[in-house]
Amino acid sequence: MLALTGQLGAKPIEKFTRGLGDRALRLLLITLCVTPLRKLTGWNSLIKLRRMLGLFAFFYACLHVLSHLALLLGYRLWVNYLSKLKIDLRATNTG
């Protein structure tokens, strides 16, 4: 959605990764607030919601870590590999 509105900015991979991390943190905080809210209000049906929110928080946290590893570190490794390959090709074409 951000790509359609032009809000990605100069570093779209970092914005994507940070967005996943922010969502994971927010869901974790909401999940941790369920038990005190249940005790204050007496809504016992909130316990069913707590597990689902916790699983969503875990899912987003896993996506955040995987996107960081795959997109940021993978990109850096790929650029490093291509620069070494270019140097190797130049060394072999000297003759």
PDB file of N, CA and C in Angstrom:
ATOM      1  N   MET A   1       0.807  -1.184   0.000  1.00  0.00           N
ATOM      2  CA  MET A   1       0.000   0.000   0.000  1.00  0.00           C
ATOM      3  C   MET A   1       0.861   1.263   0.000  1.00  0.00           C
ATOM      4  N   LEU A   2       1.986   1.192   0.697  1.00  0.00           N
ATOM      5  CA  LEU A   2       2.872   2.357   0.723  1.00  0.00           C
ATOM      6  C   LEU A   2       3.490   2.631  -0.638  1.00  0.00           C
ATOM      7  N   ALA A   3       3.700   1.579  -1.419  1.00  0.00           N
ATOM      8  CA  ALA A   3       4.287   1.763  -2.748  1.00  0.00           C
ATOM      9  C   ALA A   3       3.317   2.495  -3.673  1.00  0.00           C
ATOM     10  N   LEU A   4       2.030   2.237  -3.510  1.00  0.00           N
ATOM     11  CA  LEU A   4       1.044   2.898  -4.367  1.00  0.00           C
ATOM     12  C   LEU A   4       0.904   4.371  -4.046  1.00  0.00           C
ATOM     13  N   THR A   5       1.101   4.740  -2.796  1.00  0.00           N
ATOM     14  CA  THR A   5       0.954   6.139  -2.393  1.00  0.00           C
ATOM     15  C   THR A   5       2.277   6.896  -2.392  1.00  0.00           C
ATOM     16  N   GLY A   6       3.380   6.218  -2.695  1.00  0.00           N
ATOM     17  CA  GLY A   6       4.676   6.865  -2.770  1.00  0.00           C
ATOM     18  C   GLY A   6       5.288   7.205  -1.427  1.00  0.00           C
ATOM     19  N   GLN A   7       5.012   6.431  -0.388  1.00  0.00           N
ATOM     20  CA  GLN A   7       5.501   6.716   0.949  1.00  0.00           C
ATOM     21  C   GLN A   7       6.620   5.774   1.397  1.00  0.00           C
ATOM     22  N   LEU A   8       7.229   5.065   0.482  1.00  0.00           N
ATOM     23  CA  LEU A   8       8.272   4.124   0.863  1.00  0.00           C
ATOM     24  C   LEU A   8       9.565   4.821   1.252  1.00  0.00           C
ATOM     25  N   GLY A   9       9.891   5.897   0.617  1.00  0.00           N
ATOM     26  CA  GLY A   9      11.109   6.631   0.962  1.00  0.00           C
ATOM     27  C   GLY A   9      12.332   6.066   0.268  1.00  0.00           C
ATOM     28  N   ALA A  10      13.490   6.473   0.775  1.00  0.00           N
ATOM     29  CA  ALA A  10      14.754   6.102   0.147  1.00  0.00           C
ATOM     30  C   ALA A  10      15.184   4.686   0.496  1.00  0.00           C
ATOM     31  N   LYS A  11      14.734   4.171   1.639  1.00  0.00           N
ATOM     32  CA  LYS A  11      15.129   2.835   2.077  1.00  0.00           C
ATOM     33  C   LYS A  11      13.883   1.981   2.324  1.00  0.00           C
ATOM     34  N   PRO A  12      13.295   1.424   1.266  1.00  0.00           N
ATOM     35  CA  PRO A  12      12.047   0.675   1.436  1.00  0.00           C
ATOM     36  C   PRO A  12      12.208  -0.617   2.223  1.00  0.00           C
ATOM     37  N   ILE A  13      13.365  -1.259   2.143  1.00  0.00           N
ATOM     38  CA  ILE A  13      13.567  -2.511   2.871  1.00  0.00           C
ATOM     39  C   ILE A  13      13.586  -2.250   4.374  1.00  0.00           C
ATOM     40  N   GLU A  14      14.244  -1.186   4.788  1.00  0.00           N
ATOM     41  CA  GLU A  14      14.278  -0.857   6.207  1.00  0.00           C
ATOM     42  C   GLU A  14      12.899  -0.455   6.714  1.00  0.00           C
ATOM     43  N   LYS A  15      12.132   0.261   5.894  1.00  0.00           N
ATOM     44  CA  LYS A  15      10.776   0.647   6.295  1.00  0.00           C
ATOM     45  C   LYS A  15       9.898  -0.589   6.465  1.00  0.00           C
ATOM     46  N   PHE A  16      10.021  -1.551   5.560  1.00  0.00           N
ATOM     47  CA  PHE A  16       9.257  -2.795   5.651  1.00  0.00           C
ATOM     48  C   PHE A  16       9.631  -3.581   6.904  1.00  0.00           C
ATOM     49  N   THR A  17      10.925  -3.730   7.151  1.00  0.00           N
ATOM     50  CA  THR A  17      11.398  -4.481   8.313  1.00  0.00           C
ATOM     51  C   THR A  17      11.001  -3.796   9.615  1.00  0.00           C
ATOM     52  N   ARG A  18      11.148  -2.484   9.675  1.00  0.00           N
ATOM     53  CA  ARG A  18      10.783  -1.736  10.881  1.00  0.00           C
ATOM     54  C   ARG A  18       9.276  -1.806  11.126  1.00  0.00           C
ATOM     55  N   GLY A  19       8.486  -1.779  10.056  1.00  0.00           N
ATOM     56  CA  GLY A  19       7.036  -1.887  10.201  1.00  0.00           C
ATOM     57  C   GLY A  19       6.625  -3.223  10.808  1.00  0.00           C
ATOM     58  N   LEU A  20       7.282  -4.298  10.380  1.00  0.00           N
ATOM     59  CA  LEU A  20       6.987  -5.602  10.965  1.00  0.00           C
ATOM     60  C   LEU A  20       7.369  -5.643  12.442  1.00  0.00           C
ATOM     61  N   GLY A  21       8.502  -5.052  12.786  1.00  0.00           N
ATOM     62  CA  GLY A  21       8.929  -5.014  14.180  1.00  0.00           C
ATOM     63  C   GLY A  21       7.991  -4.178  15.040  1.00  0.00           C
ATOM     64  N   ASP A  22       7.530  -3.044  14.495  1.00  0.00           N
ATOM     65  CA  ASP A  22       6.593  -2.202  15.240  1.00  0.00           C
ATOM     66  C   ASP A  22       5.277  -2.929  15.489  1.00  0.00           C
ATOM     67  N   ARG A  23       4.785  -3.629  14.483  1.00  0.00           N
ATOM     68  CA  ARG A  23       3.535  -4.389  14.660  1.00  0.00           C
ATOM     69  C   ARG A  23       3.709  -5.496  15.687  1.00  0.00           C
ATOM     70  N   ALA A  24       4.838  -6.164  15.663  1.00  0.00           N
ATOM     71  CA  ALA A  24       5.087  -7.233  16.635  1.00  0.00           C
ATOM     72  C   ALA A  24       5.123  -6.674  18.054  1.00  0.00           C
ATOM     73  N   LEU A  25       5.789  -5.539  18.233  1.00  0.00           N
ATOM     74  CA  LEU A  25       5.875  -4.933  19.562  1.00  0.00           C
ATOM     75  C   LEU A  25       4.511  -4.467  20.052  1.00  0.00           C
ATOM     76  N   ARG A  26       3.732  -3.849  19.176  1.00  0.00           N
ATOM     77  CA  ARG A  26       2.387  -3.401  19.565  1.00  0.00           C
ATOM     78  C   ARG A  26       1.498  -4.575  19.949  1.00  0.00           C
ATOM     79  N   LEU A  27       1.543  -5.636  19.153  1.00  0.00           N
ATOM     80  CA  LEU A  27       0.727  -6.811  19.482  1.00  0.00           C
ATOM     81  C   LEU A  27       1.163  -7.450  20.791  1.00  0.00           C
ATOM     82  N   LEU A  28       2.471  -7.463  21.044  1.00  0.00           N
ATOM     83  CA  LEU A  28       2.957  -8.011  22.307  1.00  0.00           C
ATOM     84  C   LEU A  28       2.454  -7.189  23.489  1.00  0.00           C
ATOM     85  N   LEU A  29       2.507  -5.870  23.370  1.00  0.00           N
ATOM     86  CA  LEU A  29       2.026  -5.014  24.450  1.00  0.00           C
ATOM     87  C   LEU A  29       0.522  -5.162  24.659  1.00  0.00           C
ATOM     88  N   ILE A  30      -0.246  -5.271  23.583  1.00  0.00           N
ATOM     89  CA  ILE A  30      -1.689  -5.492  23.704  1.00  0.00           C
ATOM     90  C   ILE A  30      -1.958  -6.836  24.368  1.00  0.00           C
ATOM     91  N   THR A  31      -1.183  -7.843  23.995  1.00  0.00           N
ATOM     92  CA  THR A  31      -1.352  -9.171  24.594  1.00  0.00           C
ATOM     93  C   THR A  31      -1.071  -9.134  26.094  1.00  0.00           C
ATOM     94  N   LEU A  32      -0.041  -8.405  26.487  1.00  0.00           N
ATOM     95  CA  LEU A  32       0.291  -8.323  27.903  1.00  0.00           C
ATOM     96  C   LEU A  32      -0.728  -7.515  28.700  1.00  0.00           C
ATOM     97  N   CYS A  33      -1.482  -6.660  28.026  1.00  0.00           N
ATOM     98  CA  CYS A  33      -2.504  -5.864  28.716  1.00  0.00           C
ATOM     99  C   CYS A  33      -3.823  -6.601  28.898  1.00  0.00           C
ATOM    100  N   VAL A  34      -3.976  -7.771  28.289  1.00  0.00           N
ATOM    101  CA  VAL A  34      -5.259  -8.480  28.353  1.00  0.00           C
ATOM    102  C   VAL A  34      -5.571  -8.937  29.773  1.00  0.00           C
ATOM    103  N   THR A  35      -4.629  -9.530  30.480  1.00  0.00           N
ATOM    104  CA  THR A  35      -4.902 -10.067  31.820  1.00  0.00           C
ATOM    105  C   THR A  35      -5.255  -8.964  32.824  1.00  0.00           C
ATOM    106  N   PRO A  36      -4.492  -7.856  32.901  1.00  0.00           N
ATOM    107  CA  PRO A  36      -4.926  -6.797  33.819  1.00  0.00           C
ATOM    108  C   PRO A  36      -6.289  -6.209  33.450  1.00  0.00           C
ATOM    109  N   LEU A  37      -6.554  -6.090  32.151  1.00  0.00           N
ATOM    110  CA  LEU A  37      -7.851  -5.586  31.711  1.00  0.00           C
ATOM    111  C   LEU A  37      -8.971  -6.549  32.100  1.00  0.00           C
ATOM    112  N   ARG A  38      -8.716  -7.834  31.992  1.00  0.00           N
ATOM    113  CA  ARG A  38      -9.711  -8.838  32.384  1.00  0.00           C
ATOM    114  C   ARG A  38      -9.984  -8.777  33.879  1.00  0.00           C
ATOM    115  N   LYS A  39      -8.938  -8.588  34.657  1.00  0.00           N
ATOM    116  CA  LYS A  39      -9.128  -8.514  36.115  1.00  0.00           C
ATOM    117  C   LYS A  39      -9.864  -7.250  36.530  1.00  0.00           C
ATOM    118  N   LEU A  40      -9.610  -6.156  35.829  1.00  0.00           N
ATOM    119  CA  LEU A  40     -10.284  -4.902  36.161  1.00  0.00           C
ATOM    120  C   LEU A  40     -11.753  -4.896  35.754  1.00  0.00           C
ATOM    121  N   THR A  41     -12.036  -5.452  34.571  1.00  0.00           N
ATOM    122  CA  THR A  41     -13.400  -5.375  34.047  1.00  0.00           C
ATOM    123  C   THR A  41     -14.235  -6.606  34.340  1.00  0.00           C
ATOM    124  N   GLY A  42     -13.597  -7.741  34.570  1.00  0.00           N
ATOM    125  CA  GLY A  42     -14.346  -8.967  34.806  1.00  0.00           C
ATOM    126  C   GLY A  42     -14.761  -9.690  33.536  1.00  0.00           C
ATOM    127  N   TRP A  43     -14.256  -9.265  32.397  1.00  0.00           N
ATOM    128  CA  TRP A  43     -14.566  -9.937  31.136  1.00  0.00           C
ATOM    129  C   TRP A  43     -13.669 -11.158  31.004  1.00  0.00           C
ATOM    130  N   ASN A  44     -14.206 -12.310  31.350  1.00  0.00           N
ATOM    131  CA  ASN A  44     -13.397 -13.534  31.297  1.00  0.00           C
ATOM    132  C   ASN A  44     -13.220 -14.063  29.881  1.00  0.00           C
ATOM    133  N   SER A  45     -14.006 -13.583  28.953  1.00  0.00           N
ATOM    134  CA  SER A  45     -13.874 -14.055  27.571  1.00  0.00           C
ATOM    135  C   SER A  45     -12.637 -13.476  26.882  1.00  0.00           C
ATOM    136  N   LEU A  46     -11.966 -12.513  27.511  1.00  0.00           N
ATOM    137  CA  LEU A  46     -10.752 -11.940  26.922  1.00  0.00           C
ATOM    138  C   LEU A  46      -9.594 -12.924  26.903  1.00  0.00           C
ATOM    139  N   ILE A  47      -9.655 -13.958  27.752  1.00  0.00           N
ATOM    140  CA  ILE A  47      -8.572 -14.946  27.792  1.00  0.00           C
ATOM    141  C   ILE A  47      -8.450 -15.671  26.454  1.00  0.00           C
ATOM    142  N   LYS A  48      -9.587 -15.917  25.804  1.00  0.00           N
ATOM    143  CA  LYS A  48      -9.548 -16.572  24.478  1.00  0.00           C
ATOM    144  C   LYS A  48      -8.849 -15.682  23.459  1.00  0.00           C
ATOM    145  N   LEU A  49      -8.986 -14.390  23.619  1.00  0.00           N
ATOM    146  CA  LEU A  49      -8.363 -13.450  22.701  1.00  0.00           C
ATOM    147  C   LEU A  49      -6.856 -13.332  22.947  1.00  0.00           C
ATOM    148  N   ARG A  50      -6.418 -13.553  24.189  1.00  0.00           N
ATOM    149  CA  ARG A  50      -5.007 -13.384  24.542  1.00  0.00           C
ATOM    150  C   ARG A  50      -4.108 -14.346  23.780  1.00  0.00           C
ATOM    151  N   ARG A  51      -4.514 -15.606  23.662  1.00  0.00           N
ATOM    152  CA  ARG A  51      -3.690 -16.591  22.942  1.00  0.00           C
ATOM    153  C   ARG A  51      -3.540 -16.215  21.473  1.00  0.00           C
ATOM    154  N   MET A  52      -4.635 -15.806  20.854  1.00  0.00           N
ATOM    155  CA  MET A  52      -4.588 -15.440  19.449  1.00  0.00           C
ATOM    156  C   MET A  52      -3.681 -14.217  19.238  1.00  0.00           C
ATOM    157  N   LEU A  53      -3.792 -13.222  20.109  1.00  0.00           N
ATOM    158  CA  LEU A  53      -2.941 -12.042  19.993  1.00  0.00           C
ATOM    159  C   LEU A  53      -1.469 -12.391  20.203  1.00  0.00           C
ATOM    160  N   GLY A  54      -1.198 -13.287  21.147  1.00  0.00           N
ATOM    161  CA  GLY A  54       0.173 -13.718  21.381  1.00  0.00           C
ATOM    162  C   GLY A  54       0.760 -14.443  20.184  1.00  0.00           C
ATOM    163  N   LEU A  55      -0.042 -15.268  19.538  1.00  0.00           N
ATOM    164  CA  LEU A  55       0.439 -15.967  18.343  1.00  0.00           C
ATOM    165  C   LEU A  55       0.688 -14.999  17.187  1.00  0.00           C
ATOM    166  N   PHE A  56      -0.183 -14.003  17.056  1.00  0.00           N
ATOM    167  CA  PHE A  56       0.047 -12.985  16.027  1.00  0.00           C
ATOM    168  C   PHE A  56       1.332 -12.203  16.316  1.00  0.00           C
ATOM    169  N   ALA A  57       1.568 -11.877  17.572  1.00  0.00           N
ATOM    170  CA  ALA A  57       2.791 -11.152  17.936  1.00  0.00           C
ATOM    171  C   ALA A  57       4.021 -11.996  17.611  1.00  0.00           C
ATOM    172  N   PHE A  58       3.961 -13.279  17.925  1.00  0.00           N
ATOM    173  CA  PHE A  58       5.074 -14.170  17.618  1.00  0.00           C
ATOM    174  C   PHE A  58       5.284 -14.281  16.110  1.00  0.00           C
ATOM    175  N   PHE A  59       4.198 -14.369  15.362  1.00  0.00           N
ATOM    176  CA  PHE A  59       4.278 -14.454  13.906  1.00  0.00           C
ATOM    177  C   PHE A  59       4.944 -13.214  13.322  1.00  0.00           C
ATOM    178  N   TYR A  60       4.527 -12.031  13.767  1.00  0.00           N
ATOM    179  CA  TYR A  60       5.126 -10.804  13.255  1.00  0.00           C
ATOM    180  C   TYR A  60       6.585 -10.666  13.685  1.00  0.00           C
ATOM    181  N   ALA A  61       6.913 -11.129  14.892  1.00  0.00           N
ATOM    182  CA  ALA A  61       8.306 -11.085  15.332  1.00  0.00           C
ATOM    183  C   ALA A  61       9.171 -12.001  14.468  1.00  0.00           C
ATOM    184  N   CYS A  62       8.657 -13.180  14.143  1.00  0.00           N
ATOM    185  CA  CYS A  62       9.399 -14.092  13.256  1.00  0.00           C
ATOM    186  C   CYS A  62       9.557 -13.490  11.865  1.00  0.00           C
ATOM    187  N   LEU A  63       8.493 -12.872  11.348  1.00  0.00           N
ATOM    188  CA  LEU A  63       8.594 -12.215  10.044  1.00  0.00           C
ATOM    189  C   LEU A  63       9.613 -11.082  10.071  1.00  0.00           C
ATOM    190  N   HIS A  64       9.657 -10.349  11.167  1.00  0.00           N
ATOM    191  CA  HIS A  64      10.614  -9.252  11.301  1.00  0.00           C
ATOM    192  C   HIS A  64      12.044  -9.780  11.247  1.00  0.00           C
ATOM    193  N   VAL A  65      12.324 -10.830  11.994  1.00  0.00           N
ATOM    194  CA  VAL A  65      13.681 -11.388  12.019  1.00  0.00           C
ATOM    195  C   VAL A  65      14.039 -11.984  10.659  1.00  0.00           C
ATOM    196  N   LEU A  66      13.109 -12.723  10.074  1.00  0.00           N
ATOM    197  CA  LEU A  66      13.383 -13.324   8.769  1.00  0.00           C
ATOM    198  C   LEU A  66      13.569 -12.266   7.680  1.00  0.00           C
ATOM    199  N   SER A  67      12.765 -11.216   7.721  1.00  0.00           N
ATOM    200  CA  SER A  67      12.929 -10.171   6.707  1.00  0.00           C
ATOM    201  C   SER A  67      14.255  -9.445   6.900  1.00  0.00           C
ATOM    202  N   HIS A  68      14.655  -9.269   8.147  1.00  0.00           N
ATOM    203  CA  HIS A  68      15.950  -8.625   8.397  1.00  0.00           C
ATOM    204  C   HIS A  68      17.084  -9.488   7.854  1.00  0.00           C
ATOM    205  N   LEU A  69      17.025 -10.769   8.137  1.00  0.00           N
ATOM    206  CA  LEU A  69      18.080 -11.665   7.659  1.00  0.00           C
ATOM    207  C   LEU A  69      18.069 -11.790   6.149  1.00  0.00           C
ATOM    208  N   ALA A  70      16.888 -11.982   5.581  1.00  0.00           N
ATOM    209  CA  ALA A  70      16.804 -12.243   4.145  1.00  0.00           C
ATOM    210  C   ALA A  70      17.012 -10.982   3.316  1.00  0.00           C
ATOM    211  N   LEU A  71      16.358  -9.908   3.690  1.00  0.00           N
ATOM    212  CA  LEU A  71      16.391  -8.724   2.842  1.00  0.00           C
ATOM    213  C   LEU A  71      17.624  -7.862   3.085  1.00  0.00           C
ATOM    214  N   LEU A  72      17.873  -7.510   4.323  1.00  0.00           N
ATOM    215  CA  LEU A  72      19.004  -6.613   4.584  1.00  0.00           C
ATOM    216  C   LEU A  72      20.347  -7.320   4.460  1.00  0.00           C
ATOM    217  N   LEU A  73      20.506  -8.413   5.172  1.00  0.00           N
ATOM    218  CA  LEU A  73      21.794  -9.103   5.131  1.00  0.00           C
ATOM    219  C   LEU A  73      22.004  -9.812   3.800  1.00  0.00           C
ATOM    220  N   GLY A  74      20.938 -10.373   3.239  1.00  0.00           N
ATOM    221  CA  GLY A  74      21.050 -11.032   1.939  1.00  0.00           C
ATOM    222  C   GLY A  74      21.441 -10.056   0.852  1.00  0.00           C
ATOM    223  N   TYR A  75      20.887  -8.860   0.894  1.00  0.00           N
ATOM    224  CA  TYR A  75      21.242  -7.836  -0.085  1.00  0.00           C
ATOM    225  C   TYR A  75      22.707  -7.452   0.042  1.00  0.00           C
ATOM    226  N   ARG A  76      23.152  -7.269   1.276  1.00  0.00           N
ATOM    227  CA  ARG A  76      24.561  -6.888   1.487  1.00  0.00           C
ATOM    228  C   ARG A  76      25.504  -7.997   1.033  1.00  0.00           C
ATOM    229  N   LEU A  77      25.143  -9.242   1.306  1.00  0.00           N
ATOM    230  CA  LEU A  77      25.976 -10.361   0.852  1.00  0.00           C
ATOM    231  C   LEU A  77      26.008 -10.440  -0.666  1.00  0.00           C
ATOM    232  N   TRP A  78      24.871 -10.196  -1.306  1.00  0.00           N
ATOM    233  CA  TRP A  78      24.785 -10.248  -2.759  1.00  0.00           C
ATOM    234  C   TRP A  78      25.640  -9.149  -3.396  1.00  0.00           C
ATOM    235  N   VAL A  79      25.571  -7.948  -2.855  1.00  0.00           N
ATOM    236  CA  VAL A  79      26.390  -6.844  -3.378  1.00  0.00           C
ATOM    237  C   VAL A  79      27.866  -7.148  -3.178  1.00  0.00           C
ATOM    238  N   ASN A  80      28.215  -7.690  -2.030  1.00  0.00           N
ATOM    239  CA  ASN A  80      29.606  -8.040  -1.756  1.00  0.00           C
ATOM    240  C   ASN A  80      30.083  -9.116  -2.733  1.00  0.00           C
ATOM    241  N   TYR A  81      29.245 -10.104  -2.998  1.00  0.00           N
ATOM    242  CA  TYR A  81      29.598 -11.173  -3.932  1.00  0.00           C
ATOM    243  C   TYR A  81      29.791 -10.618  -5.339  1.00  0.00           C
ATOM    244  N   LEU A  82      28.900  -9.742  -5.767  1.00  0.00           N
ATOM    245  CA  LEU A  82      29.017  -9.182  -7.113  1.00  0.00           C
ATOM    246  C   LEU A  82      30.263  -8.315  -7.250  1.00  0.00           C
ATOM    247  N   SER A  83      30.614  -7.580  -6.201  1.00  0.00           N
ATOM    248  CA  SER A  83      31.820  -6.756  -6.294  1.00  0.00           C
ATOM    249  C   SER A  83      33.065  -7.636  -6.360  1.00  0.00           C
ATOM    250  N   LYS A  84      33.088  -8.732  -5.633  1.00  0.00           N
ATOM    251  CA  LYS A  84      34.239  -9.649  -5.710  1.00  0.00           C
ATOM    252  C   LYS A  84      34.290 -10.337  -7.060  1.00  0.00           C
ATOM    253  N   LEU A  85      33.124 -10.669  -7.609  1.00  0.00           N
ATOM    254  CA  LEU A  85      33.085 -11.309  -8.922  1.00  0.00           C
ATOM    255  C   LEU A  85      33.600 -10.354  -9.992  1.00  0.00           C
ATOM    256  N   LYS A  86      33.260  -9.088  -9.884  1.00  0.00           N
ATOM    257  CA  LYS A  86      33.733  -8.101 -10.852  1.00  0.00           C
ATOM    258  C   LYS A  86      35.256  -7.968 -10.772  1.00  0.00           C
ATOM    259  N   ILE A  87      35.786  -7.964  -9.572  1.00  0.00           N
ATOM    260  CA  ILE A  87      37.247  -7.883  -9.407  1.00  0.00           C
ATOM    261  C   ILE A  87      37.904  -9.122  -9.996  1.00  0.00           C
ATOM    262  N   ASP A  88      37.329 -10.308  -9.771  1.00  0.00           N
ATOM    263  CA  ASP A  88      37.891 -11.541 -10.315  1.00  0.00           C
ATOM    264  C   ASP A  88      37.833 -11.551 -11.835  1.00  0.00           C
ATOM    265  N   LEU A  89      36.753 -11.055 -12.414  1.00  0.00           N
ATOM    266  CA  LEU A  89      36.647 -11.017 -13.878  1.00  0.00           C
ATOM    267  C   LEU A  89      37.651 -10.052 -14.471  1.00  0.00           C
ATOM    268  N   ARG A  90      37.878  -8.935 -13.800  1.00  0.00           N
ATOM    269  CA  ARG A  90      38.886  -7.990 -14.279  1.00  0.00           C
ATOM    270  C   ARG A  90      40.292  -8.579 -14.210  1.00  0.00           C
ATOM    271  N   ALA A  91      40.544  -9.356 -13.186  1.00  0.00           N
ATOM    272  CA  ALA A  91      41.866  -9.964 -13.033  1.00  0.00           C
ATOM    273  C   ALA A  91      42.113 -11.007 -14.105  1.00  0.00           C
ATOM    274  N   THR A  92      41.077 -11.727 -14.535  1.00  0.00           N
ATOM    275  CA  THR A  92      41.268 -12.765 -15.546  1.00  0.00           C
ATOM    276  C   THR A  92      41.319 -12.205 -16.953  1.00  0.00           C
ATOM    277  N   ASN A  93      40.804 -10.987 -17.161  1.00  0.00           N
ATOM    278  CA  ASN A  93      40.779 -10.398 -18.510  1.00  0.00           C
ATOM    279  C   ASN A  93      41.947  -9.443 -18.746  1.00  0.00           C
ATOM    280  N   THR A  94      43.011  -9.565 -18.001  1.00  0.00           N
ATOM    281  CA  THR A  94      44.134  -8.636 -18.189  1.00  0.00           C
ATOM    282  C   THR A  94      44.991  -8.995 -19.396  1.00  0.00           C
ATOM    283  N   GLY A  95      44.907 -10.224 -19.885  1.00  0.00           N
ATOM    284  CA  GLY A  95      45.792 -10.636 -20.956  1.00  0.00           C
ATOM    285  C   GLY A  95      45.293 -10.470 -22.302  1.00  0.00           C
TER     286      GLY A  95
END
